[in-house]
């Protein structure tokens, strides 16, 4: 029986497989599938009750990944909504794996995407951050700017569909 030598293309493909986590092919979207402005203007208006004046996209490709985002500004307010999607999601910090989180970050108990809140600022510079990981993508949704009812706005952010 003769043993065949693998071609360079097969060797290269096998080498790449060593860097792809198990199950990555079925884990979710690929970098080209990410949409920086994943929420449409009408969707934002319905969920947040505010009319979008402008949305600006940003897109950064990295070797083997992508970091995209969108900033939404609104009419009649200086409030800004920021959406950031990072693929693949960075590994969780050891403290997050043990259930401990960064100071001020509160887990949303029972959330299927391991979502968490962070509320900061006071007066005219409030900020609400909702973070979660879905389908291998780290999602950061932040609202900041003028004074607003934090509890009400947290509920409005939860009314947005989960992306990707």
C-alpha atoms as a PDB file:
ATOM      1  CA  UNK A   1       0.000   0.000   0.000  1.00  0.00           C
ATOM      2  CA  UNK A   2       1.357   3.372  -1.051  1.00  0.00           C
ATOM      3  CA  UNK A   3       0.943   6.476   1.120  1.00  0.00           C
ATOM      4  CA  UNK A   4       0.032   9.642  -0.797  1.00  0.00           C
ATOM      5  CA  UNK A   5       1.539  12.959   0.182  1.00  0.00           C
ATOM      6  CA  UNK A   6      -1.006  15.715   0.829  1.00  0.00           C
ATOM      7  CA  UNK A   7      -1.064  18.676  -1.517  1.00  0.00           C
ATOM      8  CA  UNK A   8      -0.053  22.126  -0.199  1.00  0.00           C
ATOM      9  CA  UNK A   9      -3.690  23.322  -0.382  1.00  0.00           C
ATOM     10  CA  UNK A  10      -4.860  20.491   1.882  1.00  0.00           C
ATOM     11  CA  UNK A  11      -2.023  21.110   4.323  1.00  0.00           C
ATOM     12  CA  UNK A  12      -2.873  24.833   4.407  1.00  0.00           C
ATOM     13  CA  UNK A  13      -6.576  24.101   4.999  1.00  0.00           C
ATOM     14  CA  UNK A  14      -5.771  21.722   7.840  1.00  0.00           C
ATOM     15  CA  UNK A  15      -3.465  24.329   9.367  1.00  0.00           C
ATOM     16  CA  UNK A  16      -6.277  26.893   9.340  1.00  0.00           C
ATOM     17  CA  UNK A  17      -8.609  24.428  11.045  1.00  0.00           C
ATOM     18  CA  UNK A  18      -6.318  24.451  14.056  1.00  0.00           C
ATOM     19  CA  UNK A  19      -7.206  28.106  14.643  1.00  0.00           C
ATOM     20  CA  UNK A  20     -10.998  27.775  14.257  1.00  0.00           C
ATOM     21  CA  UNK A  21     -12.857  26.866  17.466  1.00  0.00           C
ATOM     22  CA  UNK A  22     -14.946  23.689  17.429  1.00  0.00           C
ATOM     23  CA  UNK A  23     -18.453  24.416  16.189  1.00  0.00           C
ATOM     24  CA  UNK A  24     -17.480  27.800  14.739  1.00  0.00           C
ATOM     25  CA  UNK A  25     -18.986  26.956  11.359  1.00  0.00           C
ATOM     26  CA  UNK A  26     -22.445  26.661  12.911  1.00  0.00           C
ATOM     27  CA  UNK A  27     -21.944  29.298  15.614  1.00  0.00           C
ATOM     28  CA  UNK A  28     -23.546  32.133  13.707  1.00  0.00           C
ATOM     29  CA  UNK A  29     -22.803  34.812  11.176  1.00  0.00           C
ATOM     30  CA  UNK A  30     -19.545  35.272   9.348  1.00  0.00           C
ATOM     31  CA  UNK A  31     -17.780  38.655   9.192  1.00  0.00           C
ATOM     32  CA  UNK A  32     -19.310  39.642   5.821  1.00  0.00           C
ATOM     33  CA  UNK A  33     -22.807  38.985   7.210  1.00  0.00           C
ATOM     34  CA  UNK A  34     -22.550  41.624   9.958  1.00  0.00           C
ATOM     35  CA  UNK A  35     -24.569  44.775   9.310  1.00  0.00           C
ATOM     36  CA  UNK A  36     -23.087  47.860  11.060  1.00  0.00           C
ATOM     37  CA  UNK A  37     -26.483  49.616  11.270  1.00  0.00           C
ATOM     38  CA  UNK A  38     -28.451  46.478  12.126  1.00  0.00           C
ATOM     39  CA  UNK A  39     -31.479  48.470  13.304  1.00  0.00           C
ATOM     40  CA  UNK A  40     -33.499  50.373  10.734  1.00  0.00           C
ATOM     41  CA  UNK A  41     -34.748  53.888  11.460  1.00  0.00           C
ATOM     42  CA  UNK A  42     -38.369  52.730  11.770  1.00  0.00           C
ATOM     43  CA  UNK A  43     -37.379  49.930  14.151  1.00  0.00           C
ATOM     44  CA  UNK A  44     -35.508  52.386  16.395  1.00  0.00           C
ATOM     45  CA  UNK A  45     -38.420  54.858  16.296  1.00  0.00           C
ATOM     46  CA  UNK A  46     -40.889  52.138  17.325  1.00  0.00           C
ATOM     47  CA  UNK A  47     -38.762  50.718  20.159  1.00  0.00           C
ATOM     48  CA  UNK A  48     -37.409  53.982  21.561  1.00  0.00           C
ATOM     49  CA  UNK A  49     -40.195  56.407  20.655  1.00  0.00           C
ATOM     50  CA  UNK A  50     -37.748  58.821  19.017  1.00  0.00           C
ATOM     51  CA  UNK A  51     -37.159  59.790  15.393  1.00  0.00           C
ATOM     52  CA  UNK A  52     -33.690  59.007  14.032  1.00  0.00           C
ATOM     53  CA  UNK A  53     -32.071  62.065  12.489  1.00  0.00           C
ATOM     54  CA  UNK A  54     -28.860  60.414  11.301  1.00  0.00           C
ATOM     55  CA  UNK A  55     -27.142  57.049  11.468  1.00  0.00           C
ATOM     56  CA  UNK A  56     -23.441  56.683  10.711  1.00  0.00           C
ATOM     57  CA  UNK A  57     -21.724  53.339  10.154  1.00  0.00           C
ATOM     58  CA  UNK A  58     -18.176  52.265  10.941  1.00  0.00           C
ATOM     59  CA  UNK A  59     -16.529  49.075   9.715  1.00  0.00           C
ATOM     60  CA  UNK A  60     -13.150  47.625  10.623  1.00  0.00           C
ATOM     61  CA  UNK A  61     -11.958  44.319   9.237  1.00  0.00           C
ATOM     62  CA  UNK A  62      -9.391  42.364  11.213  1.00  0.00           C
ATOM     63  CA  UNK A  63      -7.548  39.177  10.305  1.00  0.00           C
ATOM     64  CA  UNK A  64     -10.247  36.562  10.815  1.00  0.00           C
ATOM     65  CA  UNK A  65     -12.874  38.934  12.185  1.00  0.00           C
ATOM     66  CA  UNK A  66     -14.751  42.186  11.980  1.00  0.00           C
ATOM     67  CA  UNK A  67     -15.673  45.062  14.303  1.00  0.00           C
ATOM     68  CA  UNK A  68     -18.636  47.113  13.063  1.00  0.00           C
ATOM     69  CA  UNK A  69     -20.869  49.724  14.562  1.00  0.00           C
ATOM     70  CA  UNK A  70     -23.415  52.445  14.073  1.00  0.00           C
ATOM     71  CA  UNK A  71     -24.162  55.699  15.842  1.00  0.00           C
ATOM     72  CA  UNK A  72     -27.744  56.907  15.767  1.00  0.00           C
ATOM     73  CA  UNK A  73     -28.583  60.528  16.594  1.00  0.00           C
ATOM     74  CA  UNK A  74     -32.117  61.781  17.095  1.00  0.00           C
ATOM     75  CA  UNK A  75     -34.233  64.838  16.388  1.00  0.00           C
ATOM     76  CA  UNK A  76     -35.201  66.995  19.397  1.00  0.00           C
ATOM     77  CA  UNK A  77     -32.566  65.536  21.766  1.00  0.00           C
ATOM     78  CA  UNK A  78     -28.825  65.214  22.173  1.00  0.00           C
ATOM     79  CA  UNK A  79     -29.218  61.558  23.169  1.00  0.00           C
ATOM     80  CA  UNK A  80     -27.053  59.184  21.103  1.00  0.00           C
ATOM     81  CA  UNK A  81     -27.442  55.444  20.616  1.00  0.00           C
ATOM     82  CA  UNK A  82     -24.372  53.415  19.744  1.00  0.00           C
ATOM     83  CA  UNK A  83     -24.368  49.818  18.460  1.00  0.00           C
ATOM     84  CA  UNK A  84     -21.143  47.807  18.202  1.00  0.00           C
ATOM     85  CA  UNK A  85     -20.799  44.212  16.956  1.00  0.00           C
ATOM     86  CA  UNK A  86     -17.525  42.298  17.341  1.00  0.00           C
ATOM     87  CA  UNK A  87     -16.952  38.962  15.601  1.00  0.00           C
ATOM     88  CA  UNK A  88     -15.673  36.679  16.854  1.00  0.00           C
ATOM     89  CA  UNK A  89     -16.643  37.627  20.392  1.00  0.00           C
ATOM     90  CA  UNK A  90     -13.544  38.070  22.562  1.00  0.00           C
ATOM     91  CA  UNK A  91     -13.107  35.340  25.180  1.00  0.00           C
ATOM     92  CA  UNK A  92     -14.780  36.124  28.483  1.00  0.00           C
ATOM     93  CA  UNK A  93     -12.500  37.432  31.207  1.00  0.00           C
ATOM     94  CA  UNK A  94     -11.769  34.925  33.985  1.00  0.00           C
ATOM     95  CA  UNK A  95     -13.854  37.024  36.397  1.00  0.00           C
ATOM     96  CA  UNK A  96     -16.875  36.907  34.048  1.00  0.00           C
ATOM     97  CA  UNK A  97     -16.590  33.124  33.769  1.00  0.00           C
ATOM     98  CA  UNK A  98     -16.706  32.837  37.552  1.00  0.00           C
ATOM     99  CA  UNK A  99     -19.860  34.970  37.712  1.00  0.00           C
ATOM    100  CA  UNK A 100     -18.077  38.121  38.859  1.00  0.00           C
ATOM    101  CA  UNK A 101     -18.397  41.197  36.692  1.00  0.00           C
ATOM    102  CA  UNK A 102     -16.745  44.563  36.307  1.00  0.00           C
ATOM    103  CA  UNK A 103     -17.750  47.118  38.971  1.00  0.00           C
ATOM    104  CA  UNK A 104     -21.198  48.523  38.236  1.00  0.00           C
ATOM    105  CA  UNK A 105     -22.171  45.793  35.753  1.00  0.00           C
ATOM    106  CA  UNK A 106     -25.349  43.937  36.660  1.00  0.00           C
ATOM    107  CA  UNK A 107     -26.371  40.683  34.998  1.00  0.00           C
ATOM    108  CA  UNK A 108     -29.903  40.321  33.680  1.00  0.00           C
ATOM    109  CA  UNK A 109     -30.900  37.175  35.545  1.00  0.00           C
ATOM    110  CA  UNK A 110     -32.076  34.360  33.291  1.00  0.00           C
ATOM    111  CA  UNK A 111     -31.146  36.148  30.063  1.00  0.00           C
ATOM    112  CA  UNK A 112     -30.401  33.606  27.295  1.00  0.00           C
ATOM    113  CA  UNK A 113     -27.594  35.798  25.866  1.00  0.00           C
ATOM    114  CA  UNK A 114     -25.961  36.453  29.275  1.00  0.00           C
ATOM    115  CA  UNK A 115     -26.888  40.147  28.944  1.00  0.00           C
ATOM    116  CA  UNK A 116     -25.784  42.726  31.482  1.00  0.00           C
ATOM    117  CA  UNK A 117     -26.400  46.404  32.278  1.00  0.00           C
ATOM    118  CA  UNK A 118     -24.064  49.152  33.288  1.00  0.00           C
ATOM    119  CA  UNK A 119     -25.471  52.532  34.267  1.00  0.00           C
ATOM    120  CA  UNK A 120     -23.129  55.436  34.833  1.00  0.00           C
ATOM    121  CA  UNK A 121     -22.997  59.203  34.941  1.00  0.00           C
ATOM    122  CA  UNK A 122     -25.391  61.692  36.413  1.00  0.00           C
ATOM    123  CA  UNK A 123     -27.116  64.898  35.445  1.00  0.00           C
ATOM    124  CA  UNK A 124     -26.561  65.784  31.806  1.00  0.00           C
ATOM    125  CA  UNK A 125     -24.118  62.954  31.059  1.00  0.00           C
ATOM    126  CA  UNK A 126     -25.945  59.728  31.781  1.00  0.00           C
ATOM    127  CA  UNK A 127     -25.060  56.459  30.088  1.00  0.00           C
ATOM    128  CA  UNK A 128     -26.784  53.073  29.865  1.00  0.00           C
ATOM    129  CA  UNK A 129     -24.930  50.097  28.375  1.00  0.00           C
ATOM    130  CA  UNK A 130     -26.488  46.766  27.434  1.00  0.00           C
ATOM    131  CA  UNK A 131     -24.006  44.040  26.514  1.00  0.00           C
ATOM    132  CA  UNK A 132     -24.551  40.451  25.458  1.00  0.00           C
ATOM    133  CA  UNK A 133     -23.107  37.721  23.263  1.00  0.00           C
ATOM    134  CA  UNK A 134     -25.242  36.076  20.599  1.00  0.00           C
ATOM    135  CA  UNK A 135     -24.220  33.599  17.900  1.00  0.00           C
ATOM    136  CA  UNK A 136     -20.525  34.230  18.601  1.00  0.00           C
ATOM    137  CA  UNK A 137     -20.882  38.016  18.273  1.00  0.00           C
ATOM    138  CA  UNK A 138     -20.271  40.426  21.152  1.00  0.00           C
ATOM    139  CA  UNK A 139     -22.939  43.142  21.123  1.00  0.00           C
ATOM    140  CA  UNK A 140     -22.588  46.517  22.887  1.00  0.00           C
ATOM    141  CA  UNK A 141     -25.599  48.825  22.859  1.00  0.00           C
ATOM    142  CA  UNK A 142     -25.088  52.197  24.575  1.00  0.00           C
ATOM    143  CA  UNK A 143     -27.321  55.210  25.084  1.00  0.00           C
ATOM    144  CA  UNK A 144     -25.763  58.393  26.384  1.00  0.00           C
ATOM    145  CA  UNK A 145     -26.262  62.112  26.531  1.00  0.00           C
ATOM    146  CA  UNK A 146     -29.005  64.190  28.032  1.00  0.00           C
ATOM    147  CA  UNK A 147     -30.868  63.446  31.201  1.00  0.00           C
ATOM    148  CA  UNK A 148     -33.325  60.597  30.724  1.00  0.00           C
ATOM    149  CA  UNK A 149     -35.250  58.126  32.850  1.00  0.00           C
ATOM    150  CA  UNK A 150     -32.745  55.269  33.130  1.00  0.00           C
ATOM    151  CA  UNK A 151     -35.265  52.584  34.111  1.00  0.00           C
ATOM    152  CA  UNK A 152     -37.596  53.566  31.269  1.00  0.00           C
ATOM    153  CA  UNK A 153     -34.750  53.612  28.766  1.00  0.00           C
ATOM    154  CA  UNK A 154     -33.467  50.216  29.871  1.00  0.00           C
ATOM    155  CA  UNK A 155     -36.896  48.790  29.071  1.00  0.00           C
ATOM    156  CA  UNK A 156     -36.877  50.547  25.688  1.00  0.00           C
ATOM    157  CA  UNK A 157     -33.489  49.013  24.849  1.00  0.00           C
ATOM    158  CA  UNK A 158     -34.849  45.598  25.784  1.00  0.00           C
ATOM    159  CA  UNK A 159     -37.704  46.222  23.311  1.00  0.00           C
ATOM    160  CA  UNK A 160     -35.182  46.223  20.452  1.00  0.00           C
ATOM    161  CA  UNK A 161     -34.731  42.843  18.808  1.00  0.00           C
ATOM    162  CA  UNK A 162     -31.524  41.043  19.653  1.00  0.00           C
ATOM    163  CA  UNK A 163     -28.907  41.140  16.913  1.00  0.00           C
ATOM    164  CA  UNK A 164     -27.228  39.571  14.992  1.00  0.00           C
END
